[in-house]
Amino acid sequence: MNNRPFDVLNEAIDKEILVVLKGNNQVRGTLRAFDVHMNLHLENASQVVEGELKTKYGKVMIRGDSVIMISP
């Protein structure tokens, strides 16, 4: 059983995740990497608005201090 947050993120590598950011912005994409600051590298990333995929970004880096929630 994994109880630590980084264990959960390690299990989510190469899987699709939903990231909720400050300002109620949401991004969905495939988690490729993260660091101790919770900076995230996503591929095939898209903006999510009201549950629907809107803007496609492709590869993105998300700064950890803007992350409110990550849903694997």
PDB file of N, CA and C in Angstrom:
ATOM      1  N   MET A   1       0.843  -1.179   0.000  1.00  0.00           N
ATOM      2  CA  MET A   1       0.000   0.000   0.000  1.00  0.00           C
ATOM      3  C   MET A   1       0.891   1.246   0.000  1.00  0.00           C
ATOM      4  N   ASN A   2       0.636   2.139  -0.927  1.00  0.00           N
ATOM      5  CA  ASN A   2       1.401   3.380  -1.029  1.00  0.00           C
ATOM      6  C   ASN A   2       0.625   4.512  -0.376  1.00  0.00           C
ATOM      7  N   ASN A   3       1.246   5.151   0.591  1.00  0.00           N
ATOM      8  CA  ASN A   3       0.568   6.223   1.303  1.00  0.00           C
ATOM      9  C   ASN A   3       1.162   7.590   1.020  1.00  0.00           C
ATOM     10  N   ARG A   4       2.363   7.625   0.462  1.00  0.00           N
ATOM     11  CA  ARG A   4       3.019   8.906   0.241  1.00  0.00           C
ATOM     12  C   ARG A   4       2.601   9.493  -1.101  1.00  0.00           C
ATOM     13  N   PRO A   5       2.469  10.835  -1.162  1.00  0.00           N
ATOM     14  CA  PRO A   5       2.040  11.467  -2.425  1.00  0.00           C
ATOM     15  C   PRO A   5       2.948  11.138  -3.606  1.00  0.00           C
ATOM     16  N   PHE A   6       4.267  11.094  -3.385  1.00  0.00           N
ATOM     17  CA  PHE A   6       5.166  10.804  -4.501  1.00  0.00           C
ATOM     18  C   PHE A   6       5.025   9.366  -4.987  1.00  0.00           C
ATOM     19  N   ASP A   7       4.612   8.450  -4.105  1.00  0.00           N
ATOM     20  CA  ASP A   7       4.346   7.080  -4.543  1.00  0.00           C
ATOM     21  C   ASP A   7       3.165   7.051  -5.512  1.00  0.00           C
ATOM     22  N   VAL A   8       2.142   7.831  -5.200  1.00  0.00           N
ATOM     23  CA  VAL A   8       0.967   7.904  -6.082  1.00  0.00           C
ATOM     24  C   VAL A   8       1.370   8.487  -7.433  1.00  0.00           C
ATOM     25  N   LEU A   9       2.179   9.548  -7.416  1.00  0.00           N
ATOM     26  CA  LEU A   9       2.638  10.147  -8.680  1.00  0.00           C
ATOM     27  C   LEU A   9       3.523   9.181  -9.461  1.00  0.00           C
ATOM     28  N   ASN A  10       4.391   8.453  -8.779  1.00  0.00           N
ATOM     29  CA  ASN A  10       5.232   7.464  -9.473  1.00  0.00           C
ATOM     30  C   ASN A  10       4.380   6.426 -10.192  1.00  0.00           C
ATOM     31  N   GLU A  11       3.293   5.999  -9.571  1.00  0.00           N
ATOM     32  CA  GLU A  11       2.392   5.028 -10.208  1.00  0.00           C
ATOM     33  C   GLU A  11       1.642   5.643 -11.387  1.00  0.00           C
ATOM     34  N   ALA A  12       1.527   6.981 -11.412  1.00  0.00           N
ATOM     35  CA  ALA A  12       0.788   7.657 -12.482  1.00  0.00           C
ATOM     36  C   ALA A  12       1.662   8.002 -13.687  1.00  0.00           C
ATOM     37  N   ILE A  13       2.968   7.755 -13.605  1.00  0.00           N
ATOM     38  CA  ILE A  13       3.852   8.025 -14.745  1.00  0.00           C
ATOM     39  C   ILE A  13       3.356   7.233 -15.952  1.00  0.00           C
ATOM     40  N   ASP A  14       3.318   7.883 -17.103  1.00  0.00           N
ATOM     41  CA  ASP A  14       2.854   7.314 -18.378  1.00  0.00           C
ATOM     42  C   ASP A  14       1.353   7.030 -18.397  1.00  0.00           C
ATOM     43  N   LYS A  15       0.628   7.616 -17.451  1.00  0.00           N
ATOM     44  CA  LYS A  15      -0.827   7.498 -17.438  1.00  0.00           C
ATOM     45  C   LYS A  15      -1.432   8.900 -17.525  1.00  0.00           C
ATOM     46  N   GLU A  16      -2.697   8.962 -17.924  1.00  0.00           N
ATOM     47  CA  GLU A  16      -3.374  10.243 -18.026  1.00  0.00           C
ATOM     48  C   GLU A  16      -3.798  10.725 -16.646  1.00  0.00           C
ATOM     49  N   ILE A  17      -3.576  12.023 -16.390  1.00  0.00           N
ATOM     50  CA  ILE A  17      -3.966  12.628 -15.126  1.00  0.00           C
ATOM     51  C   ILE A  17      -4.726  13.919 -15.400  1.00  0.00           C
ATOM     52  N   LEU A  18      -5.458  14.372 -14.392  1.00  0.00           N
ATOM     53  CA  LEU A  18      -6.125  15.664 -14.428  1.00  0.00           C
ATOM     54  C   LEU A  18      -5.456  16.542 -13.391  1.00  0.00           C
ATOM     55  N   VAL A  19      -5.051  17.747 -13.790  1.00  0.00           N
ATOM     56  CA  VAL A  19      -4.397  18.690 -12.893  1.00  0.00           C
ATOM     57  C   VAL A  19      -5.288  19.920 -12.764  1.00  0.00           C
ATOM     58  N   VAL A  20      -5.666  20.246 -11.521  1.00  0.00           N
ATOM     59  CA  VAL A  20      -6.435  21.454 -11.255  1.00  0.00           C
ATOM     60  C   VAL A  20      -5.450  22.511 -10.776  1.00  0.00           C
ATOM     61  N   LEU A  21      -5.503  23.678 -11.426  1.00  0.00           N
ATOM     62  CA  LEU A  21      -4.569  24.757 -11.144  1.00  0.00           C
ATOM     63  C   LEU A  21      -5.279  25.924 -10.463  1.00  0.00           C
ATOM     64  N   LYS A  22      -4.478  26.822  -9.895  1.00  0.00           N
ATOM     65  CA  LYS A  22      -5.041  28.047  -9.335  1.00  0.00           C
ATOM     66  C   LYS A  22      -5.834  28.760 -10.423  1.00  0.00           C
ATOM     67  N   GLY A  23      -6.885  29.451 -10.038  1.00  0.00           N
ATOM     68  CA  GLY A  23      -7.736  30.130 -11.018  1.00  0.00           C
ATOM     69  C   GLY A  23      -8.745  29.186 -11.632  1.00  0.00           C
ATOM     70  N   ASN A  24      -8.891  27.984 -11.054  1.00  0.00           N
ATOM     71  CA  ASN A  24      -9.828  26.960 -11.523  1.00  0.00           C
ATOM     72  C   ASN A  24      -9.561  26.512 -12.959  1.00  0.00           C
ATOM     73  N   ASN A  25      -8.337  26.618 -13.415  1.00  0.00           N
ATOM     74  CA  ASN A  25      -7.956  26.052 -14.714  1.00  0.00           C
ATOM     75  C   ASN A  25      -7.678  24.572 -14.531  1.00  0.00           C
ATOM     76  N   GLN A  26      -7.981  23.789 -15.561  1.00  0.00           N
ATOM     77  CA  GLN A  26      -7.745  22.357 -15.508  1.00  0.00           C
ATOM     78  C   GLN A  26      -7.025  21.907 -16.766  1.00  0.00           C
ATOM     79  N   VAL A  27      -6.076  20.982 -16.578  1.00  0.00           N
ATOM     80  CA  VAL A  27      -5.314  20.427 -17.693  1.00  0.00           C
ATOM     81  C   VAL A  27      -5.308  18.915 -17.554  1.00  0.00           C
ATOM     82  N   ARG A  28      -5.559  18.236 -18.664  1.00  0.00           N
ATOM     83  CA  ARG A  28      -5.497  16.771 -18.692  1.00  0.00           C
ATOM     84  C   ARG A  28      -4.386  16.378 -19.654  1.00  0.00           C
ATOM     85  N   GLY A  29      -3.579  15.395 -19.256  1.00  0.00           N
ATOM     86  CA  GLY A  29      -2.505  14.933 -20.116  1.00  0.00           C
ATOM     87  C   GLY A  29      -1.801  13.734 -19.523  1.00  0.00           C
ATOM     88  N   THR A  30      -0.833  13.216 -20.257  1.00  0.00           N
ATOM     89  CA  THR A  30      -0.061  12.049 -19.824  1.00  0.00           C
ATOM     90  C   THR A  30       1.139  12.522 -19.013  1.00  0.00           C
ATOM     91  N   LEU A  31       1.224  12.072 -17.774  1.00  0.00           N
ATOM     92  CA  LEU A  31       2.324  12.456 -16.896  1.00  0.00           C
ATOM     93  C   LEU A  31       3.598  11.743 -17.332  1.00  0.00           C
ATOM     94  N   ARG A  32       4.627  12.513 -17.667  1.00  0.00           N
ATOM     95  CA  ARG A  32       5.918  11.943 -18.064  1.00  0.00           C
ATOM     96  C   ARG A  32       6.944  12.037 -16.955  1.00  0.00           C
ATOM     97  N   ALA A  33       6.905  13.128 -16.171  1.00  0.00           N
ATOM     98  CA  ALA A  33       7.892  13.304 -15.104  1.00  0.00           C
ATOM     99  C   ALA A  33       7.401  14.358 -14.120  1.00  0.00           C
ATOM    100  N   PHE A  34       8.001  14.337 -12.924  1.00  0.00           N
ATOM    101  CA  PHE A  34       7.746  15.350 -11.908  1.00  0.00           C
ATOM    102  C   PHE A  34       8.981  15.450 -11.029  1.00  0.00           C
ATOM    103  N   ASP A  35       9.050  16.525 -10.236  1.00  0.00           N
ATOM    104  CA  ASP A  35      10.184  16.674  -9.323  1.00  0.00           C
ATOM    105  C   ASP A  35       9.677  16.959  -7.909  1.00  0.00           C
ATOM    106  N   VAL A  36      10.607  17.211  -6.986  1.00  0.00           N
ATOM    107  CA  VAL A  36      10.243  17.400  -5.585  1.00  0.00           C
ATOM    108  C   VAL A  36       9.429  18.674  -5.355  1.00  0.00           C
ATOM    109  N   HIS A  37       9.431  19.593  -6.309  1.00  0.00           N
ATOM    110  CA  HIS A  37       8.643  20.817  -6.205  1.00  0.00           C
ATOM    111  C   HIS A  37       7.258  20.641  -6.809  1.00  0.00           C
ATOM    112  N   MET A  38       6.932  19.443  -7.257  1.00  0.00           N
ATOM    113  CA  MET A  38       5.671  19.092  -7.898  1.00  0.00           C
ATOM    114  C   MET A  38       5.533  19.749  -9.270  1.00  0.00           C
ATOM    115  N   ASN A  39       6.671  20.183  -9.863  1.00  0.00           N
ATOM    116  CA  ASN A  39       6.646  20.602 -11.258  1.00  0.00           C
ATOM    117  C   ASN A  39       6.306  19.368 -12.080  1.00  0.00           C
ATOM    118  N   LEU A  40       5.442  19.525 -13.065  1.00  0.00           N
ATOM    119  CA  LEU A  40       4.948  18.389 -13.844  1.00  0.00           C
ATOM    120  C   LEU A  40       5.287  18.552 -15.318  1.00  0.00           C
ATOM    121  N   HIS A  41       5.668  17.455 -15.951  1.00  0.00           N
ATOM    122  CA  HIS A  41       5.871  17.424 -17.400  1.00  0.00           C
ATOM    123  C   HIS A  41       4.759  16.542 -17.965  1.00  0.00           C
ATOM    124  N   LEU A  42       3.888  17.142 -18.780  1.00  0.00           N
ATOM    125  CA  LEU A  42       2.785  16.412 -19.402  1.00  0.00           C
ATOM    126  C   LEU A  42       2.942  16.408 -20.912  1.00  0.00           C
ATOM    127  N   GLU A  43       2.525  15.328 -21.529  1.00  0.00           N
ATOM    128  CA  GLU A  43       2.438  15.242 -22.983  1.00  0.00           C
ATOM    129  C   GLU A  43       0.982  15.046 -23.359  1.00  0.00           C
ATOM    130  N   ASN A  44       0.658  15.380 -24.596  1.00  0.00           N
ATOM    131  CA  ASN A  44      -0.727  15.288 -25.090  1.00  0.00           C
ATOM    132  C   ASN A  44      -1.677  16.037 -24.167  1.00  0.00           C
ATOM    133  N   ALA A  45      -1.237  17.192 -23.683  1.00  0.00           N
ATOM    134  CA  ALA A  45      -2.009  17.970 -22.717  1.00  0.00           C
ATOM    135  C   ALA A  45      -3.062  18.818 -23.418  1.00  0.00           C
ATOM    136  N   SER A  46      -4.199  18.947 -22.741  1.00  0.00           N
ATOM    137  CA  SER A  46      -5.300  19.778 -23.235  1.00  0.00           C
ATOM    138  C   SER A  46      -5.953  20.487 -22.067  1.00  0.00           C
ATOM    139  N   GLN A  47      -6.464  21.674 -22.342  1.00  0.00           N
ATOM    140  CA  GLN A  47      -7.231  22.409 -21.347  1.00  0.00           C
ATOM    141  C   GLN A  47      -8.612  21.775 -21.242  1.00  0.00           C
ATOM    142  N   VAL A  48      -9.104  21.674 -20.014  1.00  0.00           N
ATOM    143  CA  VAL A  48     -10.438  21.132 -19.775  1.00  0.00           C
ATOM    144  C   VAL A  48     -11.318  22.265 -19.264  1.00  0.00           C
ATOM    145  N   VAL A  49     -12.457  22.478 -19.952  1.00  0.00           N
ATOM    146  CA  VAL A  49     -13.416  23.499 -19.548  1.00  0.00           C
ATOM    147  C   VAL A  49     -14.773  22.825 -19.413  1.00  0.00           C
ATOM    148  N   GLU A  50     -15.343  22.897 -18.219  1.00  0.00           N
ATOM    149  CA  GLU A  50     -16.642  22.279 -17.936  1.00  0.00           C
ATOM    150  C   GLU A  50     -16.691  20.823 -18.379  1.00  0.00           C
ATOM    151  N   GLY A  51     -15.610  20.096 -18.110  1.00  0.00           N
ATOM    152  CA  GLY A  51     -15.560  18.672 -18.409  1.00  0.00           C
ATOM    153  C   GLY A  51     -15.240  18.308 -19.844  1.00  0.00           C
ATOM    154  N   GLU A  52     -15.076  19.296 -20.722  1.00  0.00           N
ATOM    155  CA  GLU A  52     -14.783  19.024 -22.135  1.00  0.00           C
ATOM    156  C   GLU A  52     -13.388  19.509 -22.489  1.00  0.00           C
ATOM    157  N   LEU A  53     -12.692  18.722 -23.329  1.00  0.00           N
ATOM    158  CA  LEU A  53     -11.363  19.113 -23.795  1.00  0.00           C
ATOM    159  C   LEU A  53     -11.505  20.280 -24.766  1.00  0.00           C
ATOM    160  N   LYS A  54     -10.739  21.338 -24.528  1.00  0.00           N
ATOM    161  CA  LYS A  54     -10.809  22.523 -25.380  1.00  0.00           C
ATOM    162  C   LYS A  54      -9.488  22.714 -26.123  1.00  0.00           C
ATOM    163  N   THR A  55      -8.591  23.508 -25.584  1.00  0.00           N
ATOM    164  CA  THR A  55      -7.345  23.855 -26.242  1.00  0.00           C
ATOM    165  C   THR A  55      -6.322  22.732 -26.093  1.00  0.00           C
ATOM    166  N   LYS A  56      -5.734  22.289 -27.220  1.00  0.00           N
ATOM    167  CA  LYS A  56      -4.686  21.274 -27.171  1.00  0.00           C
ATOM    168  C   LYS A  56      -3.334  21.965 -27.060  1.00  0.00           C
ATOM    169  N   TYR A  57      -2.529  21.540 -26.077  1.00  0.00           N
ATOM    170  CA  TYR A  57      -1.221  22.138 -25.854  1.00  0.00           C
ATOM    171  C   TYR A  57      -0.073  21.246 -26.316  1.00  0.00           C
ATOM    172  N   GLY A  58      -0.247  19.954 -26.322  1.00  0.00           N
ATOM    173  CA  GLY A  58       0.863  19.045 -26.619  1.00  0.00           C
ATOM    174  C   GLY A  58       1.716  18.864 -25.375  1.00  0.00           C
ATOM    175  N   LYS A  59       3.018  19.166 -25.478  1.00  0.00           N
ATOM    176  CA  LYS A  59       3.919  19.044 -24.322  1.00  0.00           C
ATOM    177  C   LYS A  59       3.865  20.314 -23.488  1.00  0.00           C
ATOM    178  N   VAL A  60       3.719  20.155 -22.170  1.00  0.00           N
ATOM    179  CA  VAL A  60       3.710  21.306 -21.266  1.00  0.00           C
ATOM    180  C   VAL A  60       4.480  20.992 -19.990  1.00  0.00           C
ATOM    181  N   MET A  61       4.979  22.049 -19.388  1.00  0.00           N
ATOM    182  CA  MET A  61       5.555  21.987 -18.050  1.00  0.00           C
ATOM    183  C   MET A  61       4.644  22.833 -17.169  1.00  0.00           C
ATOM    184  N   ILE A  62       4.231  22.284 -16.047  1.00  0.00           N
ATOM    185  CA  ILE A  62       3.381  23.017 -15.111  1.00  0.00           C
ATOM    186  C   ILE A  62       4.171  23.253 -13.839  1.00  0.00           C
ATOM    187  N   ARG A  63       4.255  24.505 -13.443  1.00  0.00           N
ATOM    188  CA  ARG A  63       4.983  24.879 -12.234  1.00  0.00           C
ATOM    189  C   ARG A  63       4.228  24.369 -11.004  1.00  0.00           C
ATOM    190  N   GLY A  64       4.948  23.724 -10.120  1.00  0.00           N
ATOM    191  CA  GLY A  64       4.349  23.076  -8.965  1.00  0.00           C
ATOM    192  C   GLY A  64       3.570  23.983  -8.044  1.00  0.00           C
ATOM    193  N   ASP A  65       3.980  25.242  -7.901  1.00  0.00           N
ATOM    194  CA  ASP A  65       3.270  26.106  -6.966  1.00  0.00           C
ATOM    195  C   ASP A  65       1.921  26.581  -7.505  1.00  0.00           C
ATOM    196  N   SER A  66       1.586  26.245  -8.749  1.00  0.00           N
ATOM    197  CA  SER A  66       0.267  26.582  -9.286  1.00  0.00           C
ATOM    198  C   SER A  66      -0.700  25.402  -9.207  1.00  0.00           C
ATOM    199  N   VAL A  67      -0.212  24.245  -8.747  1.00  0.00           N
ATOM    200  CA  VAL A  67      -1.033  23.035  -8.684  1.00  0.00           C
ATOM    201  C   VAL A  67      -1.839  23.010  -7.388  1.00  0.00           C
ATOM    202  N   ILE A  68      -3.150  22.790  -7.520  1.00  0.00           N
ATOM    203  CA  ILE A  68      -4.006  22.626  -6.360  1.00  0.00           C
ATOM    204  C   ILE A  68      -4.304  21.148  -6.118  1.00  0.00           C
ATOM    205  N   MET A  69      -4.551  20.404  -7.213  1.00  0.00           N
ATOM    206  CA  MET A  69      -4.916  19.000  -7.079  1.00  0.00           C
ATOM    207  C   MET A  69      -4.465  18.224  -8.308  1.00  0.00           C
ATOM    208  N   ILE A  70      -4.081  16.959  -8.091  1.00  0.00           N
ATOM    209  CA  ILE A  70      -3.741  16.052  -9.187  1.00  0.00           C
ATOM    210  C   ILE A  70      -4.578  14.805  -8.990  1.00  0.00           C
ATOM    211  N   SER A  71      -5.294  14.424 -10.039  1.00  0.00           N
ATOM    212  CA  SER A  71      -6.125  13.230  -9.976  1.00  0.00           C
ATOM    213  C   SER A  71      -5.595  12.193 -10.959  1.00  0.00           C
ATOM    214  N   PRO A  72      -5.006  11.104 -10.441  1.00  0.00           N
ATOM    215  CA  PRO A  72      -4.499  10.052 -11.342  1.00  0.00           C
ATOM    216  C   PRO A  72      -5.629   9.228 -11.942  1.00  0.00           C
TER     217      PRO A  72
END
